[in-house]
Amino acid sequence: MIPVIIYDKRQCDPAKCTARRMLKFGLGTEAKTLRSIPPGAIVLSPFSEKALSPADAGRAKRGLVVMDLTWSNIEGFPRPRRAEERALPYLIASNPVNWGRPMELNSAEAVLASLLILGEAEQAEGFMGRFNWAPEFVRLNGPLLEAYASAADSAEVVRIQEEALARIRDR
């Protein structure tokens, strides 16, 4: 089991906020300050040079942190000093706000994808009944998520991502 930690900047509509829903359903705990994020935890960051991979599973046991803020305010992304940042590879959103948009996942999609990549399918299953778009997210991204989850390290995840993007461009 990977501890999911949510740092919520409270920038989105509370009725649609997936971070709030994850907390409500016990799918994560809240970090009220950046200092409360455990040292060595993994922070999901669109600015990381390194992709999340199964090789990060051990480190993720210290915590998997999702920063909940709107994409329009991404330049204000918090950068905790004592954590390791990892980027998610190419995936397609299935939530009602960003459906079909690549790389514009909401916080719950990001955590669900991370858990699957890190080999925590049983823990990821908890999202299926709590978010009506979750089965569609897994259906849309299933082959990629399986490939990422079978990668040895970040470099292999990036290679898989590049191959997938090349296939999309060649269509």
Protein backbone atom coordinates (compact mmCIF):
# COMPACT_ATOMS: atom_id res chain seq x y z
CA MET A 1 0.00 0.00 0.00
CA ILE A 2 1.31 3.39 -1.01
CA PRO A 3 0.36 6.37 1.17
CA VAL A 4 -1.34 8.94 -1.07
CA ILE A 5 -0.79 12.50 0.11
CA ILE A 6 -2.80 15.41 -1.24
CA TYR A 7 -1.63 19.01 -1.14
CA ASP A 8 -4.70 21.02 -2.12
CA LYS A 9 -4.25 24.64 -3.19
CA ARG A 10 -8.08 24.96 -3.20
CA GLN A 11 -8.23 26.51 -6.64
CA CYS A 12 -10.99 24.44 -8.17
CA ASP A 13 -14.74 24.18 -7.75
CA PRO A 14 -15.23 22.18 -4.51
CA ALA A 15 -18.15 20.29 -6.09
CA LYS A 16 -15.89 19.00 -8.88
CA CYS A 17 -12.62 18.72 -6.97
CA THR A 18 -11.19 15.22 -7.22
CA ALA A 19 -8.70 15.95 -4.43
CA ARG A 20 -11.56 16.67 -2.04
CA ARG A 21 -13.32 13.46 -3.16
CA MET A 22 -10.18 11.39 -2.63
CA LEU A 23 -9.97 12.76 0.91
CA LYS A 24 -13.69 12.22 1.54
CA PHE A 25 -13.48 8.56 0.49
CA GLY A 26 -10.26 7.84 2.40
CA LEU A 27 -8.17 7.40 -0.75
CA GLY A 28 -5.53 9.79 0.58
CA THR A 29 -4.56 12.08 3.43
CA GLU A 30 -4.07 15.81 3.31
CA ALA A 31 -0.76 17.62 3.67
CA LYS A 32 -1.72 21.04 5.00
CA THR A 33 1.80 22.43 4.49
CA LEU A 34 4.70 21.60 2.20
CA ARG A 35 6.80 20.80 5.29
CA SER A 36 4.37 18.03 6.23
CA ILE A 37 5.27 16.07 3.08
CA PRO A 38 7.47 13.14 4.16
CA PRO A 39 11.15 13.37 3.20
CA GLY A 40 11.91 11.25 0.15
CA ALA A 41 8.27 11.05 -0.98
CA ILE A 42 7.48 11.18 -4.69
CA VAL A 43 5.76 14.33 -5.90
CA LEU A 44 3.93 14.09 -9.21
CA SER A 45 5.20 17.08 -11.18
CA PRO A 46 4.77 18.10 -14.81
CA PHE A 47 8.18 19.78 -14.55
CA SER A 48 10.22 16.72 -13.60
CA GLU A 49 12.96 15.53 -15.93
CA LYS A 50 12.36 11.95 -14.77
CA ALA A 51 9.27 9.84 -15.53
CA LEU A 52 7.50 7.77 -12.90
CA SER A 53 8.36 4.08 -13.29
CA PRO A 54 8.05 0.81 -11.39
CA ALA A 55 11.60 1.45 -10.16
CA ASP A 56 10.09 4.18 -7.95
CA ALA A 57 7.86 1.73 -6.03
CA GLY A 58 10.17 1.53 -3.02
CA ARG A 59 10.47 5.29 -2.71
CA ALA A 60 6.70 5.67 -3.18
CA LYS A 61 6.21 3.73 0.07
CA ARG A 62 7.28 7.00 1.76
CA GLY A 63 4.38 8.72 0.03
CA LEU A 64 2.95 9.60 -3.37
CA VAL A 65 2.11 13.29 -3.41
CA VAL A 66 -0.35 14.94 -5.76
CA MET A 67 -0.43 18.73 -5.90
CA ASP A 68 -4.00 19.79 -6.58
CA LEU A 69 -4.15 23.07 -8.47
CA THR A 70 -5.72 24.19 -11.71
CA TRP A 71 -3.86 23.82 -14.98
CA SER A 72 -4.35 27.57 -15.56
CA ASN A 73 -2.22 28.22 -12.44
CA ILE A 74 0.45 25.63 -13.15
CA GLU A 75 3.23 28.24 -13.03
CA GLY A 76 2.58 28.42 -9.26
CA PHE A 77 3.32 24.70 -8.83
CA PRO A 78 4.74 24.09 -5.32
CA ARG A 79 8.20 22.52 -5.22
CA PRO A 80 8.86 20.71 -1.91
CA ARG A 81 12.59 20.54 -1.22
CA ARG A 82 12.86 17.15 0.48
CA ALA A 83 10.86 15.15 -2.08
CA GLU A 84 11.65 13.50 -5.42
CA GLU A 85 9.70 14.81 -8.39
CA ARG A 86 8.46 12.47 -11.10
CA ALA A 87 6.40 13.23 -14.21
CA LEU A 88 3.66 11.01 -15.49
CA PRO A 89 4.16 9.76 -19.04
CA TYR A 90 1.72 10.37 -21.88
CA LEU A 91 -1.85 9.52 -20.91
CA ILE A 92 -5.29 10.73 -22.02
CA ALA A 93 -7.78 12.32 -19.61
CA SER A 94 -11.22 10.78 -19.26
CA ASN A 95 -12.73 13.18 -16.74
CA PRO A 96 -15.71 15.28 -17.90
CA VAL A 97 -13.74 18.55 -17.89
CA ASN A 98 -10.74 17.43 -19.98
CA TRP A 99 -12.03 14.28 -21.71
CA GLY A 100 -9.74 13.19 -24.53
CA ARG A 101 -7.06 15.77 -23.82
CA PRO A 102 -3.59 14.34 -23.49
CA MET A 103 -1.65 15.13 -20.33
CA GLU A 104 -4.39 17.19 -18.67
CA LEU A 105 -5.27 14.71 -15.95
CA ASN A 106 -7.10 15.67 -12.81
CA SER A 107 -5.58 14.74 -9.46
CA ALA A 108 -7.48 11.48 -9.09
CA GLU A 109 -6.52 10.36 -12.61
CA ALA A 110 -2.88 11.15 -11.82
CA VAL A 111 -2.99 9.08 -8.63
CA LEU A 112 -4.87 6.21 -10.30
CA ALA A 113 -2.31 6.10 -13.14
CA SER A 114 0.58 6.28 -10.69
CA LEU A 115 -0.73 3.40 -8.62
CA LEU A 116 -1.12 1.25 -11.72
CA ILE A 117 2.38 2.10 -12.97
CA LEU A 118 3.80 1.34 -9.53
CA GLY A 119 2.12 -2.09 -9.47
CA GLU A 120 -0.55 -1.26 -6.91
CA ALA A 121 -3.58 -2.47 -8.92
CA GLU A 122 -5.49 -3.52 -5.80
CA GLN A 123 -5.15 -0.06 -4.27
CA ALA A 124 -6.07 1.53 -7.63
CA GLU A 125 -9.26 -0.54 -7.65
CA GLY A 126 -10.57 1.73 -4.88
CA PHE A 127 -10.96 4.51 -7.46
CA MET A 128 -13.29 2.51 -9.72
CA GLY A 129 -16.44 2.91 -7.66
CA ARG A 130 -15.67 6.43 -6.47
CA PHE A 131 -15.13 8.16 -9.82
CA ASN A 132 -17.53 7.27 -12.62
CA TRP A 133 -14.90 8.10 -15.27
CA ALA A 134 -12.24 5.77 -13.74
CA PRO A 135 -13.16 2.65 -15.76
CA GLU A 136 -13.07 4.75 -18.94
CA PHE A 137 -9.65 6.12 -17.95
CA VAL A 138 -8.31 2.59 -17.60
CA ARG A 139 -9.96 1.54 -20.87
CA LEU A 140 -8.52 4.52 -22.79
CA ASN A 141 -5.05 4.15 -21.34
CA GLY A 142 -4.93 0.42 -20.52
CA PRO A 143 -2.30 -0.70 -23.06
CA LEU A 144 -0.03 2.24 -22.22
CA LEU A 145 -0.47 1.78 -18.47
CA GLU A 146 0.40 -1.91 -18.81
CA ALA A 147 3.48 -1.07 -20.87
CA TYR A 148 4.61 1.60 -18.40
CA ALA A 149 4.03 -0.81 -15.49
CA SER A 150 6.27 -3.40 -17.15
CA ALA A 151 9.13 -0.94 -17.74
CA ALA A 152 12.36 -1.38 -15.82
CA ASP A 153 13.03 2.30 -15.20
CA SER A 154 12.31 5.90 -16.18
CA ALA A 155 14.32 5.67 -19.40
CA GLU A 156 12.24 2.72 -20.58
CA VAL A 157 8.99 4.54 -19.70
CA VAL A 158 10.16 7.48 -21.82
CA ARG A 159 11.03 5.12 -24.68
CA ILE A 160 7.55 3.55 -24.53
CA GLN A 161 6.00 7.01 -24.46
CA GLU A 162 8.04 8.15 -27.49
CA GLU A 163 7.04 5.04 -29.44
CA ALA A 164 3.36 5.66 -28.62
CA LEU A 165 3.60 9.31 -29.67
CA ALA A 166 5.33 8.32 -32.92
CA ARG A 167 2.45 5.92 -33.72
CA ILE A 168 -0.05 8.73 -33.06
CA ARG A 169 1.86 11.16 -35.32
CA ASP A 170 2.09 8.55 -38.10
CA ARG A 171 -1.69 8.04 -38.30
